């Protein structure tokens, strides 16, 4: 199996549930506590591409507002840069393989890419 990475916040119940689900399936992911080690612009760009969507799917609106991120004023590149600078506004958890990514909301959604 290819490397599986989870962008994880141990204080988030969905993130903890997703990590436990992976481990219960025999997957030992690389755990990135993204608030301690924020993803770079390059990493976020790759994640968005693997999700097959737009950067907005990674946004926690309340936290983005609290961080002063003006969603309506940003294009895709600007939003990715803002998320890299303010990781608290990133939705979690995100599970990434070499070929795909899924948000763990609900946690079972990540099983699609294993």
PDB file of N, CA and C in Angstrom:
ATOM      1  N   UNK A   1       0.852  -1.191   0.000  1.00  0.00           N
ATOM      2  CA  UNK A   1       0.000   0.000   0.000  1.00  0.00           C
ATOM      3  C   UNK A   1       0.882   1.233   0.000  1.00  0.00           C
ATOM      4  N   UNK A   2       0.433   2.253  -0.689  1.00  0.00           N
ATOM      5  CA  UNK A   2       1.184   3.497  -0.736  1.00  0.00           C
ATOM      6  C   UNK A   2       1.078   4.212   0.612  1.00  0.00           C
ATOM      7  N   UNK A   3       1.892   5.231   0.748  1.00  0.00           N
ATOM      8  CA  UNK A   3       1.890   6.016   1.969  1.00  0.00           C
ATOM      9  C   UNK A   3       0.550   6.724   2.130  1.00  0.00           C
ATOM     10  N   UNK A   4       0.032   6.670   3.336  1.00  0.00           N
ATOM     11  CA  UNK A   4      -1.199   7.367   3.683  1.00  0.00           C
ATOM     12  C   UNK A   4      -0.835   8.428   4.715  1.00  0.00           C
ATOM     13  N   UNK A   5      -1.263   9.644   4.470  1.00  0.00           N
ATOM     14  CA  UNK A   5      -0.991  10.752   5.384  1.00  0.00           C
ATOM     15  C   UNK A   5      -2.318  11.306   5.865  1.00  0.00           C
ATOM     16  N   UNK A   6      -2.390  11.599   7.154  1.00  0.00           N
ATOM     17  CA  UNK A   6      -3.569  12.271   7.698  1.00  0.00           C
ATOM     18  C   UNK A   6      -3.126  13.612   8.268  1.00  0.00           C
ATOM     19  N   UNK A   7      -3.776  14.658   7.795  1.00  0.00           N
ATOM     20  CA  UNK A   7      -3.600  15.990   8.376  1.00  0.00           C
ATOM     21  C   UNK A   7      -4.587  16.042   9.521  1.00  0.00           C
ATOM     22  N   UNK A   8      -4.058  16.054  10.724  1.00  0.00           N
ATOM     23  CA  UNK A   8      -4.793  15.697  11.937  1.00  0.00           C
ATOM     24  C   UNK A   8      -4.756  16.811  12.977  1.00  0.00           C
ATOM     25  N   UNK A   9      -5.883  16.947  13.666  1.00  0.00           N
ATOM     26  CA  UNK A   9      -5.958  17.815  14.844  1.00  0.00           C
ATOM     27  C   UNK A   9      -6.463  16.936  15.980  1.00  0.00           C
ATOM     28  N   UNK A  10      -5.600  16.591  16.926  1.00  0.00           N
ATOM     29  CA  UNK A  10      -6.005  15.671  17.990  1.00  0.00           C
ATOM     30  C   UNK A  10      -7.136  16.196  18.871  1.00  0.00           C
ATOM     31  N   UNK A  11      -7.432  17.470  18.809  1.00  0.00           N
ATOM     32  CA  UNK A  11      -8.534  18.024  19.602  1.00  0.00           C
ATOM     33  C   UNK A  11      -9.885  17.874  18.918  1.00  0.00           C
ATOM     34  N   UNK A  12      -9.877  17.455  17.649  1.00  0.00           N
ATOM     35  CA  UNK A  12     -11.099  17.329  16.857  1.00  0.00           C
ATOM     36  C   UNK A  12     -11.604  15.884  16.906  1.00  0.00           C
ATOM     37  N   UNK A  13     -12.864  15.706  17.277  1.00  0.00           N
ATOM     38  CA  UNK A  13     -13.416  14.357  17.393  1.00  0.00           C
ATOM     39  C   UNK A  13     -13.447  13.640  16.045  1.00  0.00           C
ATOM     40  N   UNK A  14     -13.801  14.328  14.967  1.00  0.00           N
ATOM     41  CA  UNK A  14     -13.833  13.692  13.642  1.00  0.00           C
ATOM     42  C   UNK A  14     -12.426  13.265  13.215  1.00  0.00           C
ATOM     43  N   UNK A  15     -11.446  14.072  13.564  1.00  0.00           N
ATOM     44  CA  UNK A  15     -10.071  13.728  13.232  1.00  0.00           C
ATOM     45  C   UNK A  15      -9.629  12.495  14.026  1.00  0.00           C
ATOM     46  N   UNK A  16      -9.950  12.462  15.295  1.00  0.00           N
ATOM     47  CA  UNK A  16      -9.609  11.283  16.119  1.00  0.00           C
ATOM     48  C   UNK A  16     -10.330  10.040  15.608  1.00  0.00           C
ATOM     49  N   UNK A  17     -11.609  10.179  15.239  1.00  0.00           N
ATOM     50  CA  UNK A  17     -12.376   9.044  14.718  1.00  0.00           C
ATOM     51  C   UNK A  17     -11.777   8.531  13.411  1.00  0.00           C
ATOM     52  N   UNK A  18     -11.365   9.444  12.550  1.00  0.00           N
ATOM     53  CA  UNK A  18     -10.790   9.057  11.266  1.00  0.00           C
ATOM     54  C   UNK A  18      -9.464   8.333  11.470  1.00  0.00           C
ATOM     55  N   UNK A  19      -8.623   8.844  12.342  1.00  0.00           N
ATOM     56  CA  UNK A  19      -7.351   8.181  12.637  1.00  0.00           C
ATOM     57  C   UNK A  19      -7.600   6.782  13.201  1.00  0.00           C
ATOM     58  N   UNK A  20      -8.539   6.665  14.121  1.00  0.00           N
ATOM     59  CA  UNK A  20      -8.859   5.349  14.700  1.00  0.00           C
ATOM     60  C   UNK A  20      -9.393   4.391  13.636  1.00  0.00           C
ATOM     61  N   UNK A  21     -10.210   4.899  12.726  1.00  0.00           N
ATOM     62  CA  UNK A  21     -10.745   4.072  11.649  1.00  0.00           C
ATOM     63  C   UNK A  21      -9.621   3.541  10.761  1.00  0.00           C
ATOM     64  N   UNK A  22      -8.695   4.419  10.398  1.00  0.00           N
ATOM     65  CA  UNK A  22      -7.559   3.984   9.587  1.00  0.00           C
ATOM     66  C   UNK A  22      -6.777   2.891  10.302  1.00  0.00           C
ATOM     67  N   UNK A  23      -6.483   3.132  11.564  1.00  0.00           N
ATOM     68  CA  UNK A  23      -5.700   2.164  12.335  1.00  0.00           C
ATOM     69  C   UNK A  23      -6.448   0.842  12.490  1.00  0.00           C
ATOM     70  N   UNK A  24      -7.775   0.898  12.629  1.00  0.00           N
ATOM     71  CA  UNK A  24      -8.558  -0.334  12.764  1.00  0.00           C
ATOM     72  C   UNK A  24      -8.547  -1.152  11.479  1.00  0.00           C
ATOM     73  N   UNK A  25      -8.252  -0.491  10.363  1.00  0.00           N
ATOM     74  CA  UNK A  25      -8.166  -1.169   9.060  1.00  0.00           C
ATOM     75  C   UNK A  25      -6.734  -1.590   8.744  1.00  0.00           C
ATOM     76  N   UNK A  26      -5.839  -1.477   9.727  1.00  0.00           N
ATOM     77  CA  UNK A  26      -4.456  -1.894   9.521  1.00  0.00           C
ATOM     78  C   UNK A  26      -3.580  -0.868   8.839  1.00  0.00           C
ATOM     79  N   UNK A  27      -4.066   0.358   8.719  1.00  0.00           N
ATOM     80  CA  UNK A  27      -3.298   1.431   8.085  1.00  0.00           C
ATOM     81  C   UNK A  27      -2.576   2.215   9.179  1.00  0.00           C
ATOM     82  N   UNK A  28      -1.274   2.370   8.998  1.00  0.00           N
ATOM     83  CA  UNK A  28      -0.486   3.193   9.916  1.00  0.00           C
ATOM     84  C   UNK A  28      -0.099   4.457   9.154  1.00  0.00           C
ATOM     85  N   UNK A  29      -0.913   5.498   9.258  1.00  0.00           N
ATOM     86  CA  UNK A  29      -0.648   6.703   8.463  1.00  0.00           C
ATOM     87  C   UNK A  29       0.474   7.551   9.044  1.00  0.00           C
ATOM     88  N   UNK A  30       1.049   8.358   8.179  1.00  0.00           N
ATOM     89  CA  UNK A  30       1.921   9.438   8.618  1.00  0.00           C
ATOM     90  C   UNK A  30       0.977  10.486   9.190  1.00  0.00           C
ATOM     91  N   UNK A  31       1.170  10.851  10.440  1.00  0.00           N
ATOM     92  CA  UNK A  31       0.283  11.810  11.102  1.00  0.00           C
ATOM     93  C   UNK A  31       0.951  13.179  11.099  1.00  0.00           C
ATOM     94  N   UNK A  32       0.301  14.126  10.464  1.00  0.00           N
ATOM     95  CA  UNK A  32       0.786  15.505  10.431  1.00  0.00           C
ATOM     96  C   UNK A  32      -0.181  16.334  11.266  1.00  0.00           C
ATOM     97  N   UNK A  33       0.283  16.783  12.409  1.00  0.00           N
ATOM     98  CA  UNK A  33      -0.539  17.697  13.216  1.00  0.00           C
ATOM     99  C   UNK A  33      -0.389  19.074  12.574  1.00  0.00           C
ATOM    100  N   UNK A  34      -1.336  19.375  11.693  1.00  0.00           N
ATOM    101  CA  UNK A  34      -1.189  20.514  10.796  1.00  0.00           C
ATOM    102  C   UNK A  34      -1.197  21.864  11.500  1.00  0.00           C
ATOM    103  N   UNK A  35      -1.659  21.933  12.732  1.00  0.00           N
ATOM    104  CA  UNK A  35      -1.568  23.208  13.446  1.00  0.00           C
ATOM    105  C   UNK A  35      -0.136  23.445  13.931  1.00  0.00           C
ATOM    106  N   UNK A  36       0.596  22.354  14.154  1.00  0.00           N
ATOM    107  CA  UNK A  36       1.999  22.447  14.571  1.00  0.00           C
ATOM    108  C   UNK A  36       2.930  22.538  13.359  1.00  0.00           C
ATOM    109  N   UNK A  37       2.570  21.803  12.293  1.00  0.00           N
ATOM    110  CA  UNK A  37       3.360  21.758  11.068  1.00  0.00           C
ATOM    111  C   UNK A  37       2.417  22.032   9.899  1.00  0.00           C
ATOM    112  N   UNK A  38       2.137  23.305   9.628  1.00  0.00           N
ATOM    113  CA  UNK A  38       1.167  23.640   8.575  1.00  0.00           C
ATOM    114  C   UNK A  38       1.625  23.174   7.199  1.00  0.00           C
ATOM    115  N   UNK A  39       0.682  22.729   6.367  1.00  0.00           N
ATOM    116  CA  UNK A  39       1.040  22.387   4.998  1.00  0.00           C
ATOM    117  C   UNK A  39       1.460  23.631   4.228  1.00  0.00           C
ATOM    118  N   UNK A  40       2.388  23.434   3.311  1.00  0.00           N
ATOM    119  CA  UNK A  40       2.868  24.539   2.485  1.00  0.00           C
ATOM    120  C   UNK A  40       1.854  24.831   1.370  1.00  0.00           C
ATOM    121  N   UNK A  41       2.077  25.920   0.681  1.00  0.00           N
ATOM    122  CA  UNK A  41       1.238  26.249  -0.474  1.00  0.00           C
ATOM    123  C   UNK A  41       1.293  25.101  -1.478  1.00  0.00           C
ATOM    124  N   UNK A  42       2.464  24.569  -1.711  1.00  0.00           N
ATOM    125  CA  UNK A  42       2.627  23.456  -2.650  1.00  0.00           C
ATOM    126  C   UNK A  42       1.839  22.223  -2.199  1.00  0.00           C
ATOM    127  N   UNK A  43       1.926  21.891  -0.921  1.00  0.00           N
ATOM    128  CA  UNK A  43       1.189  20.740  -0.403  1.00  0.00           C
ATOM    129  C   UNK A  43      -0.318  20.958  -0.508  1.00  0.00           C
ATOM    130  N   UNK A  44      -0.779  22.150  -0.156  1.00  0.00           N
ATOM    131  CA  UNK A  44      -2.215  22.435  -0.249  1.00  0.00           C
ATOM    132  C   UNK A  44      -2.695  22.404  -1.697  1.00  0.00           C
ATOM    133  N   UNK A  45      -1.883  22.896  -2.601  1.00  0.00           N
ATOM    134  CA  UNK A  45      -2.238  22.858  -4.019  1.00  0.00           C
ATOM    135  C   UNK A  45      -2.390  21.415  -4.478  1.00  0.00           C
ATOM    136  N   UNK A  46      -1.476  20.548  -4.059  1.00  0.00           N
ATOM    137  CA  UNK A  46      -1.551  19.120  -4.407  1.00  0.00           C
ATOM    138  C   UNK A  46      -2.795  18.480  -3.796  1.00  0.00           C
ATOM    139  N   UNK A  47      -3.079  18.798  -2.536  1.00  0.00           N
ATOM    140  CA  UNK A  47      -4.259  18.236  -1.860  1.00  0.00           C
ATOM    141  C   UNK A  47      -5.533  18.646  -2.584  1.00  0.00           C
ATOM    142  N   UNK A  48      -5.643  19.912  -2.936  1.00  0.00           N
ATOM    143  CA  UNK A  48      -6.834  20.394  -3.645  1.00  0.00           C
ATOM    144  C   UNK A  48      -6.990  19.646  -4.970  1.00  0.00           C
ATOM    145  N   UNK A  49      -5.881  19.461  -5.687  1.00  0.00           N
ATOM    146  CA  UNK A  49      -5.942  18.729  -6.961  1.00  0.00           C
ATOM    147  C   UNK A  49      -6.385  17.289  -6.733  1.00  0.00           C
ATOM    148  N   UNK A  50      -5.867  16.646  -5.684  1.00  0.00           N
ATOM    149  CA  UNK A  50      -6.241  15.264  -5.391  1.00  0.00           C
ATOM    150  C   UNK A  50      -7.695  15.150  -4.934  1.00  0.00           C
ATOM    151  N   UNK A  51      -8.207  16.191  -4.302  1.00  0.00           N
ATOM    152  CA  UNK A  51      -9.618  16.211  -3.911  1.00  0.00           C
ATOM    153  C   UNK A  51     -10.523  16.409  -5.125  1.00  0.00           C
ATOM    154  N   UNK A  52      -9.945  16.942  -6.207  1.00  0.00           N
ATOM    155  CA  UNK A  52     -10.706  17.151  -7.426  1.00  0.00           C
ATOM    156  C   UNK A  52     -11.659  18.322  -7.359  1.00  0.00           C
ATOM    157  N   UNK A  53     -11.360  19.250  -6.486  1.00  0.00           N
ATOM    158  CA  UNK A  53     -12.273  20.378  -6.331  1.00  0.00           C
ATOM    159  C   UNK A  53     -11.564  21.694  -6.271  1.00  0.00           C
ATOM    160  N   UNK A  54     -12.134  22.570  -5.506  1.00  0.00           N
ATOM    161  CA  UNK A  54     -11.574  23.904  -5.307  1.00  0.00           C
ATOM    162  C   UNK A  54     -11.113  24.022  -3.861  1.00  0.00           C
ATOM    163  N   UNK A  55     -10.237  24.967  -3.619  1.00  0.00           N
ATOM    164  CA  UNK A  55      -9.686  25.181  -2.287  1.00  0.00           C
ATOM    165  C   UNK A  55     -10.782  25.465  -1.255  1.00  0.00           C
ATOM    166  N   UNK A  56     -11.904  25.985  -1.690  1.00  0.00           N
ATOM    167  CA  UNK A  56     -12.983  26.321  -0.750  1.00  0.00           C
ATOM    168  C   UNK A  56     -13.483  25.111   0.041  1.00  0.00           C
ATOM    169  N   UNK A  57     -13.306  23.896  -0.518  1.00  0.00           N
ATOM    170  CA  UNK A  57     -13.738  22.700   0.219  1.00  0.00           C
ATOM    171  C   UNK A  57     -12.893  22.476   1.468  1.00  0.00           C
ATOM    172  N   UNK A  58     -11.737  23.127   1.534  1.00  0.00           N
ATOM    173  CA  UNK A  58     -10.853  22.973   2.692  1.00  0.00           C
ATOM    174  C   UNK A  58     -11.068  24.038   3.757  1.00  0.00           C
ATOM    175  N   UNK A  59     -12.016  24.919   3.554  1.00  0.00           N
ATOM    176  CA  UNK A  59     -12.184  26.072   4.437  1.00  0.00           C
ATOM    177  C   UNK A  59     -13.191  25.793   5.546  1.00  0.00           C
ATOM    178  N   UNK A  60     -12.794  26.119   6.764  1.00  0.00           N
ATOM    179  CA  UNK A  60     -13.708  26.173   7.900  1.00  0.00           C
ATOM    180  C   UNK A  60     -14.162  27.638   7.986  1.00  0.00           C
ATOM    181  N   UNK A  61     -15.386  27.946   7.548  1.00  0.00           N
ATOM    182  CA  UNK A  61     -15.806  29.348   7.415  1.00  0.00           C
ATOM    183  C   UNK A  61     -15.678  30.176   8.694  1.00  0.00           C
ATOM    184  N   UNK A  62     -16.087  29.629   9.808  1.00  0.00           N
ATOM    185  CA  UNK A  62     -16.021  30.401  11.056  1.00  0.00           C
ATOM    186  C   UNK A  62     -14.573  30.765  11.398  1.00  0.00           C
ATOM    187  N   UNK A  63     -13.688  29.786  11.303  1.00  0.00           N
ATOM    188  CA  UNK A  63     -12.283  30.033  11.619  1.00  0.00           C
ATOM    189  C   UNK A  63     -11.639  30.965  10.592  1.00  0.00           C
ATOM    190  N   UNK A  64     -12.044  30.821   9.329  1.00  0.00           N
ATOM    191  CA  UNK A  64     -11.510  31.721   8.297  1.00  0.00           C
ATOM    192  C   UNK A  64     -11.880  33.163   8.625  1.00  0.00           C
ATOM    193  N   UNK A  65     -13.120  33.374   9.012  1.00  0.00           N
ATOM    194  CA  UNK A  65     -13.568  34.724   9.375  1.00  0.00           C
ATOM    195  C   UNK A  65     -12.779  35.240  10.574  1.00  0.00           C
ATOM    196  N   UNK A  66     -12.616  34.378  11.581  1.00  0.00           N
ATOM    197  CA  UNK A  66     -11.863  34.779  12.780  1.00  0.00           C
ATOM    198  C   UNK A  66     -10.405  35.108  12.459  1.00  0.00           C
ATOM    199  N   UNK A  67      -9.853  34.437  11.435  1.00  0.00           N
ATOM    200  CA  UNK A  67      -8.469  34.677  11.028  1.00  0.00           C
ATOM    201  C   UNK A  67      -8.349  35.875  10.088  1.00  0.00           C
ATOM    202  N   UNK A  68      -9.487  36.473   9.719  1.00  0.00           N
ATOM    203  CA  UNK A  68      -9.464  37.640   8.840  1.00  0.00           C
ATOM    204  C   UNK A  68      -9.329  37.301   7.366  1.00  0.00           C
ATOM    205  N   UNK A  69      -9.647  36.067   7.010  1.00  0.00           N
ATOM    206  CA  UNK A  69      -9.581  35.662   5.608  1.00  0.00           C
ATOM    207  C   UNK A  69     -10.881  36.083   4.923  1.00  0.00           C
ATOM    208  N   UNK A  70     -10.766  36.929   3.926  1.00  0.00           N
ATOM    209  CA  UNK A  70     -11.924  37.418   3.188  1.00  0.00           C
ATOM    210  C   UNK A  70     -12.151  36.511   1.982  1.00  0.00           C
ATOM    211  N   UNK A  71     -12.947  35.469   2.185  1.00  0.00           N
ATOM    212  CA  UNK A  71     -13.135  34.443   1.162  1.00  0.00           C
ATOM    213  C   UNK A  71     -13.570  35.009  -0.184  1.00  0.00           C
ATOM    214  N   UNK A  72     -14.506  35.937  -0.161  1.00  0.00           N
ATOM    215  CA  UNK A  72     -15.042  36.477  -1.409  1.00  0.00           C
ATOM    216  C   UNK A  72     -14.019  37.306  -2.181  1.00  0.00           C
ATOM    217  N   UNK A  73     -12.963  37.745  -1.516  1.00  0.00           N
ATOM    218  CA  UNK A  73     -11.966  38.596  -2.167  1.00  0.00           C
ATOM    219  C   UNK A  73     -10.788  37.806  -2.738  1.00  0.00           C
ATOM    220  N   UNK A  74     -10.760  36.494  -2.522  1.00  0.00           N
ATOM    221  CA  UNK A  74      -9.587  35.705  -2.904  1.00  0.00           C
ATOM    222  C   UNK A  74      -9.860  34.771  -4.073  1.00  0.00           C
ATOM    223  N   UNK A  75      -8.896  34.716  -4.976  1.00  0.00           N
ATOM    224  CA  UNK A  75      -8.956  33.700  -6.015  1.00  0.00           C
ATOM    225  C   UNK A  75      -8.374  32.407  -5.432  1.00  0.00           C
ATOM    226  N   UNK A  76      -8.285  31.377  -6.250  1.00  0.00           N
ATOM    227  CA  UNK A  76      -7.818  30.070  -5.782  1.00  0.00           C
ATOM    228  C   UNK A  76      -6.418  30.147  -5.164  1.00  0.00           C
ATOM    229  N   UNK A  77      -5.490  30.764  -5.851  1.00  0.00           N
ATOM    230  CA  UNK A  77      -4.124  30.870  -5.348  1.00  0.00           C
ATOM    231  C   UNK A  77      -4.070  31.679  -4.058  1.00  0.00           C
ATOM    232  N   UNK A  78      -4.840  32.752  -3.997  1.00  0.00           N
ATOM    233  CA  UNK A  78      -4.880  33.572  -2.788  1.00  0.00           C
ATOM    234  C   UNK A  78      -5.461  32.824  -1.603  1.00  0.00           C
ATOM    235  N   UNK A  79      -6.483  32.026  -1.862  1.00  0.00           N
ATOM    236  CA  UNK A  79      -7.098  31.245  -0.786  1.00  0.00           C
ATOM    237  C   UNK A  79      -6.134  30.181  -0.272  1.00  0.00           C
ATOM    238  N   UNK A  80      -5.450  29.510  -1.175  1.00  0.00           N
ATOM    239  CA  UNK A  80      -4.473  28.505  -0.752  1.00  0.00           C
ATOM    240  C   UNK A  80      -3.368  29.157   0.077  1.00  0.00           C
ATOM    241  N   UNK A  81      -2.893  30.313  -0.341  1.00  0.00           N
ATOM    242  CA  UNK A  81      -1.872  31.028   0.423  1.00  0.00           C
ATOM    243  C   UNK A  81      -2.392  31.415   1.806  1.00  0.00           C
ATOM    244  N   UNK A  82      -3.642  31.856   1.867  1.00  0.00           N
ATOM    245  CA  UNK A  82      -4.240  32.241   3.153  1.00  0.00           C
ATOM    246  C   UNK A  82      -4.361  31.028   4.078  1.00  0.00           C
ATOM    247  N   UNK A  83      -4.755  29.883   3.526  1.00  0.00           N
ATOM    248  CA  UNK A  83      -4.861  28.680   4.353  1.00  0.00           C
ATOM    249  C   UNK A  83      -3.493  28.221   4.852  1.00  0.00           C
ATOM    250  N   UNK A  84      -2.479  28.337   4.016  1.00  0.00           N
ATOM    251  CA  UNK A  84      -1.126  27.977   4.447  1.00  0.00           C
ATOM    252  C   UNK A  84      -0.660  28.885   5.582  1.00  0.00           C
ATOM    253  N   UNK A  85      -1.037  30.158   5.513  1.00  0.00           N
ATOM    254  CA  UNK A  85      -0.647  31.122   6.547  1.00  0.00           C
ATOM    255  C   UNK A  85      -1.498  31.011   7.811  1.00  0.00           C
ATOM    256  N   UNK A  86      -2.719  30.479   7.665  1.00  0.00           N
ATOM    257  CA  UNK A  86      -3.655  30.387   8.791  1.00  0.00           C
ATOM    258  C   UNK A  86      -4.245  28.969   8.843  1.00  0.00           C
ATOM    259  N   UNK A  87      -3.447  27.988   9.255  1.00  0.00           N
ATOM    260  CA  UNK A  87      -3.903  26.589   9.201  1.00  0.00           C
ATOM    261  C   UNK A  87      -5.125  26.292  10.060  1.00  0.00           C
ATOM    262  N   UNK A  88      -5.418  27.131  11.023  1.00  0.00           N
ATOM    263  CA  UNK A  88      -6.613  26.919  11.847  1.00  0.00           C
ATOM    264  C   UNK A  88      -7.886  26.948  11.002  1.00  0.00           C
ATOM    265  N   UNK A  89      -7.817  27.595   9.841  1.00  0.00           N
ATOM    266  CA  UNK A  89      -8.979  27.708   8.958  1.00  0.00           C
ATOM    267  C   UNK A  89      -9.114  26.520   8.003  1.00  0.00           C
ATOM    268  N   UNK A  90      -8.220  25.526   8.121  1.00  0.00           N
ATOM    269  CA  UNK A  90      -8.274  24.352   7.252  1.00  0.00           C
ATOM    270  C   UNK A  90      -9.218  23.314   7.852  1.00  0.00           C
ATOM    271  N   UNK A  91     -10.116  22.795   7.017  1.00  0.00           N
ATOM    272  CA  UNK A  91     -11.021  21.718   7.429  1.00  0.00           C
ATOM    273  C   UNK A  91     -10.193  20.475   7.746  1.00  0.00           C
ATOM    274  N   UNK A  92     -10.671  19.701   8.694  1.00  0.00           N
ATOM    275  CA  UNK A  92      -9.956  18.492   9.074  1.00  0.00           C
ATOM    276  C   UNK A  92     -10.934  17.374   9.344  1.00  0.00           C
ATOM    277  N   UNK A  93     -10.414  16.178   9.303  1.00  0.00           N
ATOM    278  CA  UNK A  93      -9.092  15.747   8.870  1.00  0.00           C
ATOM    279  C   UNK A  93      -9.057  15.572   7.359  1.00  0.00           C
ATOM    280  N   UNK A  94      -7.859  15.559   6.821  1.00  0.00           N
ATOM    281  CA  UNK A  94      -7.662  15.285   5.404  1.00  0.00           C
ATOM    282  C   UNK A  94      -6.762  14.061   5.323  1.00  0.00           C
ATOM    283  N   UNK A  95      -7.197  13.069   4.578  1.00  0.00           N
ATOM    284  CA  UNK A  95      -6.386  11.878   4.360  1.00  0.00           C
ATOM    285  C   UNK A  95      -5.928  11.898   2.910  1.00  0.00           C
ATOM    286  N   UNK A  96      -4.621  11.678   2.721  1.00  0.00           N
ATOM    287  CA  UNK A  96      -4.011  11.788   1.404  1.00  0.00           C
ATOM    288  C   UNK A  96      -3.200  10.532   1.107  1.00  0.00           C
ATOM    289  N   UNK A  97      -3.377  10.007  -0.112  1.00  0.00           N
ATOM    290  CA  UNK A  97      -2.513   8.947  -0.627  1.00  0.00           C
ATOM    291  C   UNK A  97      -1.748   9.547  -1.802  1.00  0.00           C
ATOM    292  N   UNK A  98      -1.008   8.709  -2.508  1.00  0.00           N
ATOM    293  CA  UNK A  98      -0.258   9.223  -3.664  1.00  0.00           C
ATOM    294  C   UNK A  98      -1.178   9.658  -4.794  1.00  0.00           C
ATOM    295  N   UNK A  99      -2.408   9.111  -4.828  1.00  0.00           N
ATOM    296  CA  UNK A  99      -3.279   9.361  -5.981  1.00  0.00           C
ATOM    297  C   UNK A  99      -4.622  10.003  -5.655  1.00  0.00           C
ATOM    298  N   UNK A 100      -4.928  10.177  -4.377  1.00  0.00           N
ATOM    299  CA  UNK A 100      -6.249  10.719  -4.020  1.00  0.00           C
ATOM    300  C   UNK A 100      -6.214  11.337  -2.630  1.00  0.00           C
ATOM    301  N   UNK A 101      -7.259  12.096  -2.335  1.00  0.00           N
ATOM    302  CA  UNK A 101      -7.427  12.690  -1.008  1.00  0.00           C
ATOM    303  C   UNK A 101      -8.910  12.738  -0.693  1.00  0.00           C
ATOM    304  N   UNK A 102      -9.234  12.672   0.586  1.00  0.00           N
ATOM    305  CA  UNK A 102     -10.620  12.799   1.045  1.00  0.00           C
ATOM    306  C   UNK A 102     -10.622  13.502   2.394  1.00  0.00           C
ATOM    307  N   UNK A 103     -11.679  14.269   2.596  1.00  0.00           N
ATOM    308  CA  UNK A 103     -11.943  14.820   3.929  1.00  0.00           C
ATOM    309  C   UNK A 103     -12.606  13.727   4.753  1.00  0.00           C
ATOM    310  N   UNK A 104     -12.270  13.647   6.003  1.00  0.00           N
ATOM    311  CA  UNK A 104     -12.857  12.656   6.894  1.00  0.00           C
ATOM    312  C   UNK A 104     -14.150  13.140   7.518  1.00  0.00           C
ATOM    313  N   UNK A 105     -15.050  13.601   6.696  1.00  0.00           N
ATOM    314  CA  UNK A 105     -16.359  14.065   7.141  1.00  0.00           C
ATOM    315  C   UNK A 105     -17.412  13.495   6.213  1.00  0.00           C
ATOM    316  N   UNK A 106     -17.997  12.393   6.557  1.00  0.00           N
ATOM    317  CA  UNK A 106     -17.794  11.583   7.746  1.00  0.00           C
ATOM    318  C   UNK A 106     -16.497  10.783   7.639  1.00  0.00           C
ATOM    319  N   UNK A 107     -16.010  10.253   8.759  1.00  0.00           N
ATOM    320  CA  UNK A 107     -14.744   9.515   8.745  1.00  0.00           C
ATOM    321  C   UNK A 107     -14.710   8.403   7.695  1.00  0.00           C
ATOM    322  N   UNK A 108     -15.824   7.739   7.476  1.00  0.00           N
ATOM    323  CA  UNK A 108     -15.866   6.600   6.537  1.00  0.00           C
ATOM    324  C   UNK A 108     -15.560   7.023   5.104  1.00  0.00           C
ATOM    325  N   UNK A 109     -15.668   8.299   4.790  1.00  0.00           N
ATOM    326  CA  UNK A 109     -15.390   8.780   3.426  1.00  0.00           C
ATOM    327  C   UNK A 109     -13.955   8.479   3.011  1.00  0.00           C
ATOM    328  N   UNK A 110     -13.032   8.416   3.965  1.00  0.00           N
ATOM    329  CA  UNK A 110     -11.631   8.180   3.607  1.00  0.00           C
ATOM    330  C   UNK A 110     -11.399   6.744   3.136  1.00  0.00           C
ATOM    331  N   UNK A 111     -12.299   5.838   3.451  1.00  0.00           N
ATOM    332  CA  UNK A 111     -12.121   4.445   3.029  1.00  0.00           C
ATOM    333  C   UNK A 111     -12.173   4.315   1.515  1.00  0.00           C
ATOM    334  N   UNK A 112     -12.795   5.267   0.832  1.00  0.00           N
ATOM    335  CA  UNK A 112     -12.895   5.245  -0.636  1.00  0.00           C
ATOM    336  C   UNK A 112     -11.547   5.273  -1.324  1.00  0.00           C
ATOM    337  N   UNK A 113     -10.531   5.810  -0.656  1.00  0.00           N
ATOM    338  CA  UNK A 113      -9.235   5.980  -1.319  1.00  0.00           C
ATOM    339  C   UNK A 113      -8.195   4.973  -0.852  1.00  0.00           C
ATOM    340  N   UNK A 114      -8.575   4.073   0.011  1.00  0.00           N
ATOM    341  CA  UNK A 114      -7.601   3.075   0.492  1.00  0.00           C
ATOM    342  C   UNK A 114      -7.542   1.886  -0.419  1.00  0.00           C
TER     343      UNK A 114
END
